Amino acid sequence: MAEGQEQLVKEVSMRISQIGAPSVCLSSHMVRANAIEEPEFIAVNVPIKIEDKSEEDGPIVAMLQLSGRTALEGRAIENRSPVGWLLFKIPRGLCAEGGSLTFCALADEVLLWQKEYRVVWRDRFPGLEPAA
């Protein structure tokens, strides 16, 4: 930072916590010309609790980092109640067995919550297990 410039750091009053296990499902199978196509995406929904949100706090931003390299933006669903969801649509090719997925929630560029999971495949169905 150049001399004489100030860095503005906004404080965020809200807190976010995870209130249940993430739900994981494949995108629907599609049938075309008598052939079943493999699902292209994995949908992950993380239930969250939002506390102490003020009018000055910016919107929640849902982010996902895959195996420490690729970052994807998700979608945060906020209701009038303190319960919300972080929604992610992840390309199947980025969800290899044992891969690392770090889910995050931010507001005004401040990290409010994050949790890392490992991808597990049970037959043809994906799942998540908390990272050790």
N, C-alpha and C. Protein backbone atom coordinates (compact mmCIF):
# COMPACT_ATOMS: atom_id res chain seq x y z
N MET A 1 0.85 -1.17 0.00
CA MET A 1 0.00 0.00 0.00
C MET A 1 0.90 1.24 0.00
N ALA A 2 0.57 2.20 -0.84
CA ALA A 2 1.38 3.41 -0.96
C ALA A 2 1.21 4.29 0.26
N GLU A 3 2.24 5.08 0.53
CA GLU A 3 2.22 5.98 1.68
C GLU A 3 1.08 6.96 1.53
N GLY A 4 0.39 7.23 2.59
CA GLY A 4 -0.71 8.19 2.59
C GLY A 4 -2.06 7.57 2.27
N GLN A 5 -2.09 6.30 1.83
CA GLN A 5 -3.36 5.65 1.55
C GLN A 5 -3.81 4.88 2.78
N GLU A 6 -5.11 4.90 3.00
CA GLU A 6 -5.67 4.18 4.13
C GLU A 6 -6.42 2.96 3.61
N GLN A 7 -6.32 1.90 4.33
CA GLN A 7 -7.09 0.71 3.98
C GLN A 7 -8.35 0.71 4.82
N LEU A 8 -9.49 0.65 4.15
CA LEU A 8 -10.76 0.63 4.85
C LEU A 8 -11.16 -0.82 5.09
N VAL A 9 -11.36 -1.16 6.33
CA VAL A 9 -11.78 -2.51 6.69
C VAL A 9 -13.16 -2.39 7.31
N LYS A 10 -14.14 -2.96 6.64
CA LYS A 10 -15.50 -2.90 7.14
C LYS A 10 -15.72 -4.01 8.15
N GLU A 11 -16.35 -3.67 9.23
CA GLU A 11 -16.70 -4.68 10.23
C GLU A 11 -18.06 -5.26 9.89
N VAL A 12 -18.21 -6.53 10.12
CA VAL A 12 -19.45 -7.23 9.85
C VAL A 12 -19.97 -7.75 11.18
N SER A 13 -21.23 -7.44 11.49
CA SER A 13 -21.77 -7.85 12.78
C SER A 13 -22.36 -9.27 12.74
N MET A 14 -22.71 -9.76 11.57
CA MET A 14 -23.40 -11.05 11.52
C MET A 14 -22.45 -12.23 11.73
N ARG A 15 -23.05 -13.33 12.15
CA ARG A 15 -22.33 -14.59 12.33
C ARG A 15 -23.09 -15.67 11.57
N ILE A 16 -22.35 -16.64 11.06
CA ILE A 16 -22.96 -17.74 10.33
C ILE A 16 -22.44 -19.05 10.91
N SER A 17 -23.36 -20.00 11.08
CA SER A 17 -22.96 -21.33 11.53
C SER A 17 -23.74 -22.37 10.72
N GLN A 18 -23.14 -23.52 10.55
CA GLN A 18 -23.79 -24.61 9.84
C GLN A 18 -24.71 -25.32 10.80
N ILE A 19 -25.95 -25.65 10.36
CA ILE A 19 -26.91 -26.25 11.28
C ILE A 19 -27.34 -27.66 10.88
N GLY A 20 -26.63 -28.26 9.99
CA GLY A 20 -26.96 -29.62 9.59
C GLY A 20 -25.98 -30.09 8.54
N ALA A 21 -26.07 -31.37 8.23
CA ALA A 21 -25.19 -31.94 7.21
C ALA A 21 -25.59 -31.42 5.84
N PRO A 22 -24.62 -31.21 4.97
CA PRO A 22 -24.97 -30.79 3.61
C PRO A 22 -25.70 -31.90 2.87
N SER A 23 -26.66 -31.52 2.04
CA SER A 23 -27.30 -32.52 1.18
C SER A 23 -26.58 -32.50 -0.16
N VAL A 24 -26.40 -33.69 -0.72
CA VAL A 24 -25.63 -33.85 -1.96
C VAL A 24 -26.46 -34.70 -2.91
N CYS A 25 -26.59 -34.24 -4.17
CA CYS A 25 -27.30 -35.05 -5.16
C CYS A 25 -26.74 -34.78 -6.54
N LEU A 26 -26.94 -35.75 -7.42
CA LEU A 26 -26.54 -35.61 -8.82
C LEU A 26 -27.61 -34.84 -9.56
N SER A 27 -27.21 -34.14 -10.64
CA SER A 27 -28.20 -33.55 -11.51
C SER A 27 -28.99 -34.68 -12.14
N SER A 28 -30.20 -34.43 -12.55
CA SER A 28 -31.09 -35.47 -13.06
C SER A 28 -30.52 -36.17 -14.28
N HIS A 29 -30.79 -37.46 -14.34
CA HIS A 29 -30.44 -38.19 -15.56
C HIS A 29 -31.34 -37.68 -16.67
N MET A 30 -30.77 -37.54 -17.86
CA MET A 30 -31.55 -37.11 -19.01
C MET A 30 -31.55 -38.24 -20.04
N VAL A 31 -32.69 -38.46 -20.64
CA VAL A 31 -32.79 -39.49 -21.67
C VAL A 31 -32.92 -38.80 -23.01
N ARG A 32 -32.00 -39.14 -23.93
CA ARG A 32 -32.04 -38.59 -25.29
C ARG A 32 -31.83 -39.72 -26.27
N ALA A 33 -32.75 -39.84 -27.19
CA ALA A 33 -32.65 -40.84 -28.25
C ALA A 33 -32.25 -42.22 -27.70
N ASN A 34 -32.98 -42.65 -26.69
CA ASN A 34 -32.78 -43.97 -26.08
C ASN A 34 -31.43 -44.15 -25.40
N ALA A 35 -30.76 -43.05 -25.06
CA ALA A 35 -29.47 -43.14 -24.34
C ALA A 35 -29.57 -42.29 -23.08
N ILE A 36 -29.09 -42.82 -21.98
CA ILE A 36 -29.08 -42.07 -20.73
C ILE A 36 -27.75 -41.36 -20.62
N GLU A 37 -27.80 -40.04 -20.43
CA GLU A 37 -26.57 -39.25 -20.25
C GLU A 37 -26.20 -39.23 -18.79
N GLU A 38 -24.93 -39.26 -18.52
CA GLU A 38 -24.46 -39.16 -17.14
C GLU A 38 -24.71 -37.75 -16.62
N PRO A 39 -25.03 -37.60 -15.35
CA PRO A 39 -25.23 -36.28 -14.78
C PRO A 39 -23.95 -35.45 -14.90
N GLU A 40 -24.10 -34.17 -15.18
CA GLU A 40 -22.95 -33.32 -15.36
C GLU A 40 -22.58 -32.53 -14.11
N PHE A 41 -23.51 -32.38 -13.19
CA PHE A 41 -23.26 -31.56 -12.02
C PHE A 41 -23.65 -32.27 -10.74
N ILE A 42 -23.00 -31.86 -9.67
CA ILE A 42 -23.36 -32.31 -8.33
C ILE A 42 -23.88 -31.08 -7.59
N ALA A 43 -25.06 -31.20 -7.02
CA ALA A 43 -25.65 -30.10 -6.27
C ALA A 43 -25.40 -30.33 -4.78
N VAL A 44 -24.92 -29.29 -4.10
CA VAL A 44 -24.68 -29.36 -2.65
C VAL A 44 -25.41 -28.19 -2.00
N ASN A 45 -26.23 -28.50 -1.00
CA ASN A 45 -26.95 -27.48 -0.23
C ASN A 45 -26.50 -27.57 1.22
N VAL A 46 -25.98 -26.46 1.75
CA VAL A 46 -25.50 -26.41 3.13
C VAL A 46 -26.46 -25.55 3.94
N PRO A 47 -27.16 -26.13 4.95
CA PRO A 47 -28.05 -25.33 5.77
C PRO A 47 -27.25 -24.48 6.77
N ILE A 48 -27.62 -23.21 6.88
CA ILE A 48 -26.89 -22.30 7.78
C ILE A 48 -27.86 -21.53 8.66
N LYS A 49 -27.31 -21.04 9.75
CA LYS A 49 -28.03 -20.14 10.65
C LYS A 49 -27.32 -18.79 10.58
N ILE A 50 -28.10 -17.73 10.38
CA ILE A 50 -27.57 -16.38 10.26
C ILE A 50 -27.99 -15.61 11.51
N GLU A 51 -27.00 -15.10 12.24
CA GLU A 51 -27.28 -14.38 13.48
C GLU A 51 -26.70 -12.97 13.45
N ASP A 52 -27.39 -12.07 14.11
CA ASP A 52 -26.92 -10.69 14.32
C ASP A 52 -26.65 -9.94 13.02
N LYS A 53 -27.46 -10.19 12.00
CA LYS A 53 -27.28 -9.46 10.74
C LYS A 53 -27.91 -8.07 10.89
N SER A 54 -27.15 -7.06 10.49
CA SER A 54 -27.66 -5.69 10.55
C SER A 54 -27.88 -5.17 9.14
N GLU A 55 -28.55 -4.06 9.03
CA GLU A 55 -28.82 -3.46 7.73
C GLU A 55 -27.54 -3.01 7.04
N GLU A 56 -26.49 -2.75 7.81
CA GLU A 56 -25.22 -2.31 7.24
C GLU A 56 -24.41 -3.45 6.64
N ASP A 57 -24.71 -4.68 7.05
CA ASP A 57 -23.98 -5.84 6.52
C ASP A 57 -24.36 -6.06 5.07
N GLY A 58 -23.36 -6.38 4.25
CA GLY A 58 -23.62 -6.69 2.86
C GLY A 58 -24.23 -8.06 2.70
N PRO A 59 -24.56 -8.44 1.47
CA PRO A 59 -25.14 -9.76 1.23
C PRO A 59 -24.12 -10.87 1.48
N ILE A 60 -24.63 -12.04 1.78
CA ILE A 60 -23.77 -13.21 1.97
C ILE A 60 -23.33 -13.72 0.60
N VAL A 61 -22.06 -14.04 0.48
CA VAL A 61 -21.50 -14.60 -0.74
C VAL A 61 -21.05 -16.02 -0.43
N ALA A 62 -21.52 -16.97 -1.23
CA ALA A 62 -21.16 -18.38 -1.06
C ALA A 62 -20.01 -18.70 -2.01
N MET A 63 -18.93 -19.24 -1.48
CA MET A 63 -17.76 -19.59 -2.30
C MET A 63 -17.36 -21.03 -2.01
N LEU A 64 -16.73 -21.65 -2.99
CA LEU A 64 -16.25 -23.01 -2.87
C LEU A 64 -14.87 -23.09 -3.49
N GLN A 65 -13.95 -23.69 -2.75
CA GLN A 65 -12.61 -23.93 -3.29
C GLN A 65 -12.44 -25.44 -3.43
N LEU A 66 -12.02 -25.86 -4.63
CA LEU A 66 -11.89 -27.28 -4.95
C LEU A 66 -10.43 -27.68 -4.90
N SER A 67 -10.09 -28.59 -4.02
CA SER A 67 -8.72 -29.12 -3.88
C SER A 67 -7.67 -28.02 -3.88
N GLY A 68 -8.00 -26.89 -3.25
CA GLY A 68 -7.04 -25.81 -3.06
C GLY A 68 -6.68 -25.01 -4.28
N ARG A 69 -7.38 -25.24 -5.41
CA ARG A 69 -6.97 -24.50 -6.61
C ARG A 69 -8.12 -23.76 -7.27
N THR A 70 -9.17 -24.43 -7.68
CA THR A 70 -10.26 -23.81 -8.41
C THR A 70 -11.29 -23.23 -7.45
N ALA A 71 -11.71 -22.01 -7.69
CA ALA A 71 -12.74 -21.38 -6.86
C ALA A 71 -14.01 -21.21 -7.70
N LEU A 72 -15.14 -21.54 -7.10
CA LEU A 72 -16.44 -21.36 -7.73
C LEU A 72 -17.34 -20.57 -6.81
N GLU A 73 -18.17 -19.73 -7.38
CA GLU A 73 -19.14 -19.00 -6.57
C GLU A 73 -20.43 -19.80 -6.54
N GLY A 74 -21.04 -19.85 -5.38
CA GLY A 74 -22.33 -20.49 -5.21
C GLY A 74 -23.39 -19.43 -5.07
N ARG A 75 -24.46 -19.79 -4.39
CA ARG A 75 -25.56 -18.85 -4.18
C ARG A 75 -26.01 -18.96 -2.74
N ALA A 76 -26.22 -17.84 -2.11
CA ALA A 76 -26.72 -17.82 -0.73
C ALA A 76 -28.20 -17.47 -0.76
N ILE A 77 -28.99 -18.25 -0.05
CA ILE A 77 -30.42 -17.99 0.08
C ILE A 77 -30.66 -17.51 1.50
N GLU A 78 -31.09 -16.27 1.63
CA GLU A 78 -31.39 -15.69 2.94
C GLU A 78 -32.89 -15.46 3.03
N ASN A 79 -33.47 -15.85 4.13
CA ASN A 79 -34.90 -15.62 4.38
C ASN A 79 -35.03 -14.60 5.50
N ARG A 80 -36.25 -14.26 5.79
CA ARG A 80 -36.49 -13.37 6.95
C ARG A 80 -36.17 -14.09 8.25
N SER A 81 -36.27 -15.39 8.23
CA SER A 81 -35.93 -16.17 9.43
C SER A 81 -34.41 -16.29 9.49
N PRO A 82 -33.88 -16.75 10.61
CA PRO A 82 -32.42 -16.87 10.70
C PRO A 82 -31.86 -18.07 9.95
N VAL A 83 -32.70 -18.86 9.28
CA VAL A 83 -32.22 -20.04 8.56
C VAL A 83 -32.05 -19.69 7.09
N GLY A 84 -30.94 -20.17 6.52
CA GLY A 84 -30.67 -19.95 5.10
C GLY A 84 -29.92 -21.14 4.54
N TRP A 85 -29.49 -21.03 3.29
CA TRP A 85 -28.76 -22.11 2.63
C TRP A 85 -27.67 -21.54 1.76
N LEU A 86 -26.60 -22.30 1.65
CA LEU A 86 -25.56 -22.03 0.67
C LEU A 86 -25.72 -23.12 -0.39
N LEU A 87 -25.91 -22.72 -1.63
CA LEU A 87 -26.18 -23.65 -2.73
C LEU A 87 -25.02 -23.65 -3.71
N PHE A 88 -24.63 -24.85 -4.13
CA PHE A 88 -23.50 -24.98 -5.04
C PHE A 88 -23.84 -25.97 -6.14
N LYS A 89 -23.42 -25.67 -7.36
CA LYS A 89 -23.56 -26.55 -8.52
C LYS A 89 -22.14 -26.79 -9.02
N ILE A 90 -21.64 -28.00 -8.81
CA ILE A 90 -20.23 -28.32 -9.05
C ILE A 90 -20.12 -29.26 -10.25
N PRO A 91 -19.30 -28.93 -11.24
CA PRO A 91 -19.10 -29.86 -12.35
C PRO A 91 -18.60 -31.22 -11.83
N ARG A 92 -19.22 -32.27 -12.31
CA ARG A 92 -18.89 -33.61 -11.84
C ARG A 92 -17.40 -33.93 -12.00
N GLY A 93 -16.80 -33.47 -13.07
CA GLY A 93 -15.39 -33.74 -13.32
C GLY A 93 -14.46 -33.15 -12.27
N LEU A 94 -14.95 -32.22 -11.46
CA LEU A 94 -14.13 -31.61 -10.41
C LEU A 94 -14.34 -32.28 -9.05
N CYS A 95 -15.11 -33.35 -9.03
CA CYS A 95 -15.43 -34.04 -7.77
C CYS A 95 -14.88 -35.45 -7.75
N ALA A 96 -13.58 -35.57 -7.86
CA ALA A 96 -12.94 -36.88 -7.83
C ALA A 96 -12.97 -37.46 -6.42
N GLU A 97 -12.96 -38.77 -6.32
CA GLU A 97 -12.89 -39.46 -5.02
C GLU A 97 -11.73 -38.91 -4.21
N GLY A 98 -12.00 -38.52 -2.97
CA GLY A 98 -10.98 -38.01 -2.07
C GLY A 98 -10.64 -36.54 -2.27
N GLY A 99 -11.27 -35.89 -3.26
CA GLY A 99 -11.01 -34.48 -3.50
C GLY A 99 -11.48 -33.61 -2.35
N SER A 100 -10.86 -32.48 -2.20
CA SER A 100 -11.16 -31.55 -1.11
C SER A 100 -12.09 -30.45 -1.60
N LEU A 101 -13.17 -30.22 -0.85
CA LEU A 101 -14.09 -29.12 -1.13
C LEU A 101 -14.18 -28.26 0.13
N THR A 102 -13.81 -26.99 0.01
CA THR A 102 -13.90 -26.06 1.15
C THR A 102 -15.01 -25.07 0.86
N PHE A 103 -16.08 -25.15 1.64
CA PHE A 103 -17.23 -24.26 1.49
C PHE A 103 -17.03 -23.04 2.39
N CYS A 104 -17.37 -21.86 1.88
CA CYS A 104 -17.18 -20.61 2.64
C CYS A 104 -18.39 -19.70 2.50
N ALA A 105 -18.57 -18.86 3.51
CA ALA A 105 -19.57 -17.79 3.45
C ALA A 105 -18.86 -16.50 3.85
N LEU A 106 -19.03 -15.48 3.02
CA LEU A 106 -18.40 -14.18 3.25
C LEU A 106 -19.45 -13.08 3.18
N ALA A 107 -19.13 -11.96 3.77
CA ALA A 107 -19.92 -10.74 3.62
C ALA A 107 -18.93 -9.59 3.65
N ASP A 108 -19.06 -8.68 2.72
CA ASP A 108 -18.15 -7.53 2.63
C ASP A 108 -16.69 -7.99 2.66
N GLU A 109 -16.41 -9.11 1.97
CA GLU A 109 -15.07 -9.68 1.86
C GLU A 109 -14.49 -10.17 3.19
N VAL A 110 -15.35 -10.37 4.18
CA VAL A 110 -14.94 -10.90 5.48
C VAL A 110 -15.42 -12.35 5.56
N LEU A 111 -14.50 -13.28 5.87
CA LEU A 111 -14.85 -14.68 6.00
C LEU A 111 -15.65 -14.88 7.29
N LEU A 112 -16.86 -15.41 7.15
CA LEU A 112 -17.73 -15.63 8.31
C LEU A 112 -17.83 -17.10 8.72
N TRP A 113 -17.64 -17.99 7.76
CA TRP A 113 -17.75 -19.43 8.04
C TRP A 113 -17.03 -20.19 6.94
N GLN A 114 -16.39 -21.30 7.31
CA GLN A 114 -15.85 -22.21 6.30
C GLN A 114 -15.72 -23.60 6.89
N LYS A 115 -15.87 -24.60 6.02
CA LYS A 115 -15.72 -25.99 6.44
C LYS A 115 -15.24 -26.80 5.25
N GLU A 116 -14.30 -27.71 5.52
CA GLU A 116 -13.73 -28.54 4.47
C GLU A 116 -14.31 -29.95 4.54
N TYR A 117 -14.61 -30.48 3.36
CA TYR A 117 -15.13 -31.84 3.22
C TYR A 117 -14.29 -32.59 2.20
N ARG A 118 -14.36 -33.91 2.25
CA ARG A 118 -13.74 -34.79 1.26
C ARG A 118 -14.88 -35.46 0.47
N VAL A 119 -14.66 -35.59 -0.84
CA VAL A 119 -15.63 -36.23 -1.71
C VAL A 119 -15.49 -37.74 -1.58
N VAL A 120 -16.61 -38.43 -1.41
CA VAL A 120 -16.65 -39.89 -1.40
C VAL A 120 -17.71 -40.34 -2.41
N TRP A 121 -17.39 -41.39 -3.11
CA TRP A 121 -18.35 -41.95 -4.06
C TRP A 121 -18.77 -43.31 -3.55
N ARG A 122 -20.07 -43.52 -3.45
CA ARG A 122 -20.64 -44.81 -3.06
C ARG A 122 -21.39 -45.32 -4.29
N ASP A 123 -20.75 -46.25 -4.97
CA ASP A 123 -21.26 -46.72 -6.26
C ASP A 123 -21.28 -45.50 -7.20
N ARG A 124 -22.42 -45.09 -7.69
CA ARG A 124 -22.49 -43.95 -8.61
C ARG A 124 -22.98 -42.68 -7.93
N PHE A 125 -23.04 -42.67 -6.59
CA PHE A 125 -23.62 -41.53 -5.89
C PHE A 125 -22.56 -40.81 -5.05
N PRO A 126 -22.51 -39.47 -5.16
CA PRO A 126 -21.51 -38.70 -4.42
C PRO A 126 -21.97 -38.44 -2.99
N GLY A 127 -20.99 -38.23 -2.14
CA GLY A 127 -21.25 -37.86 -0.76
C GLY A 127 -20.11 -37.00 -0.26
N LEU A 128 -20.30 -36.43 0.92
CA LEU A 128 -19.27 -35.61 1.55
C LEU A 128 -19.02 -36.11 2.95
N GLU A 129 -17.76 -36.15 3.34
CA GLU A 129 -17.38 -36.47 4.71
C GLU A 129 -16.51 -35.34 5.23
N PRO A 130 -16.70 -34.92 6.49
CA PRO A 130 -15.83 -33.85 7.03
C PRO A 130 -14.37 -34.23 6.92
N ALA A 131 -13.54 -33.27 6.53
CA ALA A 131 -12.09 -33.52 6.44
C ALA A 131 -11.54 -33.69 7.84
N ALA A 132 -10.53 -34.52 7.95
CA ALA A 132 -9.91 -34.81 9.26
C ALA A 132 -9.10 -33.63 9.75
